[in-house]
Amino acid sequence: MAYAASHGAPAVEAYPVDPPGRLDLTMAFVGAKSMFDRAGFRVVGTTDAVASGMPRLVMRRDLP
């Protein structure tokens, strides 16, 4: 995030899933919502994309 901020980005986004339980390792590359929650991101929407039947969230962290 420091790199993005130092180059003038207003925010960074991620597109994880929110699994009801343990995330299937074949889909782990997209990340889990809880991981981004802990990093200070917030949900701002959903996409039309799905991963393992779960909608992909749009999560954003605003940069200073």
N, C-alpha and C. Protein backbone atom coordinates (compact mmCIF):
# COMPACT_ATOMS: atom_id res chain seq x y z
N MET A 1 0.81 -1.18 0.00
CA MET A 1 0.00 0.00 0.00
C MET A 1 0.86 1.25 0.00
N ALA A 2 2.03 1.16 0.61
CA ALA A 2 2.93 2.31 0.62
C ALA A 2 3.33 2.70 -0.80
N TYR A 3 3.55 1.69 -1.65
CA TYR A 3 3.92 1.97 -3.04
C TYR A 3 2.79 2.72 -3.74
N ALA A 4 1.57 2.22 -3.59
CA ALA A 4 0.42 2.87 -4.22
C ALA A 4 0.26 4.30 -3.72
N ALA A 5 0.36 4.49 -2.42
CA ALA A 5 0.22 5.83 -1.84
C ALA A 5 1.31 6.76 -2.33
N SER A 6 2.54 6.26 -2.43
CA SER A 6 3.65 7.11 -2.86
C SER A 6 3.54 7.51 -4.33
N HIS A 7 2.70 6.80 -5.07
CA HIS A 7 2.49 7.13 -6.47
C HIS A 7 1.14 7.80 -6.71
N GLY A 8 0.52 8.28 -5.63
CA GLY A 8 -0.69 9.09 -5.75
C GLY A 8 -2.01 8.34 -5.84
N ALA A 9 -2.00 7.05 -5.60
CA ALA A 9 -3.27 6.31 -5.66
C ALA A 9 -4.16 6.74 -4.50
N PRO A 10 -5.44 6.98 -4.75
CA PRO A 10 -6.33 7.39 -3.67
C PRO A 10 -6.79 6.21 -2.81
N ALA A 11 -6.70 4.98 -3.36
CA ALA A 11 -7.17 3.80 -2.63
C ALA A 11 -6.60 2.56 -3.30
N VAL A 12 -6.71 1.43 -2.60
CA VAL A 12 -6.41 0.13 -3.20
C VAL A 12 -7.65 -0.74 -3.04
N GLU A 13 -7.86 -1.63 -3.99
CA GLU A 13 -9.03 -2.49 -3.97
C GLU A 13 -8.63 -3.96 -4.02
N ALA A 14 -9.53 -4.80 -3.53
CA ALA A 14 -9.36 -6.25 -3.57
C ALA A 14 -10.72 -6.85 -3.92
N TYR A 15 -10.70 -8.07 -4.43
CA TYR A 15 -11.93 -8.72 -4.89
C TYR A 15 -12.03 -10.14 -4.32
N PRO A 16 -12.10 -10.26 -2.99
CA PRO A 16 -12.12 -11.58 -2.34
C PRO A 16 -13.52 -12.18 -2.29
N VAL A 17 -13.60 -13.36 -1.70
CA VAL A 17 -14.89 -14.02 -1.43
C VAL A 17 -15.09 -14.08 0.08
N ASP A 18 -16.32 -14.32 0.49
CA ASP A 18 -16.65 -14.44 1.91
C ASP A 18 -17.22 -15.83 2.15
N PRO A 19 -16.36 -16.83 2.31
CA PRO A 19 -16.84 -18.21 2.45
C PRO A 19 -17.57 -18.42 3.78
N PRO A 20 -18.56 -19.32 3.79
CA PRO A 20 -19.29 -19.59 5.03
C PRO A 20 -18.44 -20.36 6.05
N GLY A 21 -17.41 -20.98 5.58
CA GLY A 21 -16.51 -21.75 6.45
C GLY A 21 -15.09 -21.61 5.91
N ARG A 22 -14.42 -22.72 5.90
CA ARG A 22 -13.04 -22.75 5.40
C ARG A 22 -13.03 -22.55 3.89
N LEU A 23 -12.11 -21.74 3.40
CA LEU A 23 -11.99 -21.46 1.98
C LEU A 23 -11.30 -22.61 1.27
N ASP A 24 -11.91 -23.10 0.19
CA ASP A 24 -11.32 -24.15 -0.63
C ASP A 24 -9.98 -23.65 -1.16
N LEU A 25 -8.94 -24.41 -0.96
CA LEU A 25 -7.59 -23.96 -1.34
C LEU A 25 -7.45 -23.66 -2.82
N THR A 26 -8.29 -24.26 -3.66
CA THR A 26 -8.20 -23.94 -5.09
C THR A 26 -8.67 -22.52 -5.38
N MET A 27 -9.41 -21.91 -4.44
CA MET A 27 -9.89 -20.54 -4.62
C MET A 27 -9.18 -19.55 -3.71
N ALA A 28 -8.18 -20.01 -2.98
CA ALA A 28 -7.51 -19.15 -2.00
C ALA A 28 -6.78 -17.98 -2.66
N PHE A 29 -6.48 -18.10 -3.94
CA PHE A 29 -5.74 -17.03 -4.60
C PHE A 29 -6.51 -15.71 -4.62
N VAL A 30 -7.84 -15.75 -4.51
CA VAL A 30 -8.61 -14.50 -4.51
C VAL A 30 -8.67 -13.87 -3.12
N GLY A 31 -8.35 -14.64 -2.10
CA GLY A 31 -8.37 -14.13 -0.74
C GLY A 31 -9.75 -14.24 -0.10
N ALA A 32 -9.75 -14.13 1.20
CA ALA A 32 -10.99 -14.19 1.98
C ALA A 32 -11.27 -12.82 2.58
N LYS A 33 -12.53 -12.48 2.69
CA LYS A 33 -12.96 -11.19 3.24
C LYS A 33 -12.31 -10.91 4.59
N SER A 34 -12.26 -11.92 5.45
CA SER A 34 -11.72 -11.72 6.80
C SER A 34 -10.28 -11.22 6.78
N MET A 35 -9.50 -11.68 5.81
CA MET A 35 -8.11 -11.25 5.68
C MET A 35 -8.05 -9.74 5.38
N PHE A 36 -8.92 -9.30 4.49
CA PHE A 36 -8.93 -7.89 4.12
C PHE A 36 -9.56 -7.02 5.20
N ASP A 37 -10.54 -7.57 5.94
CA ASP A 37 -11.09 -6.85 7.09
C ASP A 37 -9.96 -6.48 8.06
N ARG A 38 -9.13 -7.47 8.36
CA ARG A 38 -8.02 -7.24 9.31
C ARG A 38 -7.00 -6.23 8.79
N ALA A 39 -6.93 -6.05 7.49
CA ALA A 39 -5.99 -5.10 6.90
C ALA A 39 -6.60 -3.71 6.71
N GLY A 40 -7.83 -3.50 7.21
CA GLY A 40 -8.44 -2.18 7.16
C GLY A 40 -9.27 -1.88 5.92
N PHE A 41 -9.59 -2.91 5.14
CA PHE A 41 -10.45 -2.71 3.96
C PHE A 41 -11.90 -2.74 4.40
N ARG A 42 -12.78 -2.17 3.57
CA ARG A 42 -14.23 -2.23 3.83
C ARG A 42 -14.93 -2.66 2.56
N VAL A 43 -16.07 -3.32 2.71
CA VAL A 43 -16.85 -3.75 1.55
C VAL A 43 -17.55 -2.54 0.95
N VAL A 44 -17.40 -2.36 -0.36
CA VAL A 44 -18.07 -1.26 -1.04
C VAL A 44 -19.03 -1.76 -2.13
N GLY A 45 -19.07 -3.08 -2.34
CA GLY A 45 -19.98 -3.62 -3.34
C GLY A 45 -19.68 -5.07 -3.64
N THR A 46 -20.35 -5.57 -4.67
CA THR A 46 -20.11 -6.92 -5.16
C THR A 46 -19.89 -6.84 -6.66
N THR A 47 -19.35 -7.90 -7.22
CA THR A 47 -19.17 -7.97 -8.66
C THR A 47 -20.14 -9.00 -9.22
N ASP A 48 -20.18 -9.12 -10.53
CA ASP A 48 -20.96 -10.18 -11.16
C ASP A 48 -20.17 -11.48 -11.20
N ALA A 49 -18.89 -11.42 -10.88
CA ALA A 49 -18.02 -12.59 -10.90
C ALA A 49 -18.29 -13.48 -9.70
N VAL A 50 -18.07 -14.77 -9.88
CA VAL A 50 -18.19 -15.72 -8.78
C VAL A 50 -16.94 -16.60 -8.77
N ALA A 51 -16.61 -17.08 -7.59
CA ALA A 51 -15.50 -18.01 -7.42
C ALA A 51 -16.01 -19.14 -6.54
N SER A 52 -15.99 -20.35 -7.05
CA SER A 52 -16.55 -21.51 -6.32
C SER A 52 -17.99 -21.27 -5.90
N GLY A 53 -18.75 -20.58 -6.74
CA GLY A 53 -20.16 -20.31 -6.46
C GLY A 53 -20.41 -19.15 -5.53
N MET A 54 -19.35 -18.51 -5.04
CA MET A 54 -19.51 -17.37 -4.12
C MET A 54 -19.26 -16.07 -4.88
N PRO A 55 -20.09 -15.04 -4.61
CA PRO A 55 -19.85 -13.75 -5.28
C PRO A 55 -18.54 -13.14 -4.82
N ARG A 56 -17.87 -12.46 -5.72
CA ARG A 56 -16.65 -11.74 -5.38
C ARG A 56 -17.05 -10.37 -4.86
N LEU A 57 -16.52 -9.99 -3.73
CA LEU A 57 -16.79 -8.68 -3.13
C LEU A 57 -15.84 -7.64 -3.69
N VAL A 58 -16.24 -6.39 -3.60
CA VAL A 58 -15.32 -5.28 -3.88
C VAL A 58 -14.99 -4.68 -2.52
N MET A 59 -13.71 -4.73 -2.16
CA MET A 59 -13.28 -4.16 -0.89
C MET A 59 -12.24 -3.09 -1.17
N ARG A 60 -12.31 -2.01 -0.42
CA ARG A 60 -11.43 -0.86 -0.66
C ARG A 60 -10.82 -0.37 0.64
N ARG A 61 -9.58 0.07 0.52
CA ARG A 61 -8.93 0.77 1.63
C ARG A 61 -8.45 2.10 1.09
N ASP A 62 -9.01 3.19 1.64
CA ASP A 62 -8.59 4.53 1.23
C ASP A 62 -7.20 4.81 1.77
N LEU A 63 -6.43 5.52 0.98
CA LEU A 63 -5.07 5.86 1.37
C LEU A 63 -4.98 7.33 1.79
N PRO A 64 -4.06 7.62 2.68
CA PRO A 64 -3.93 9.02 3.14
C PRO A 64 -3.38 9.92 2.06
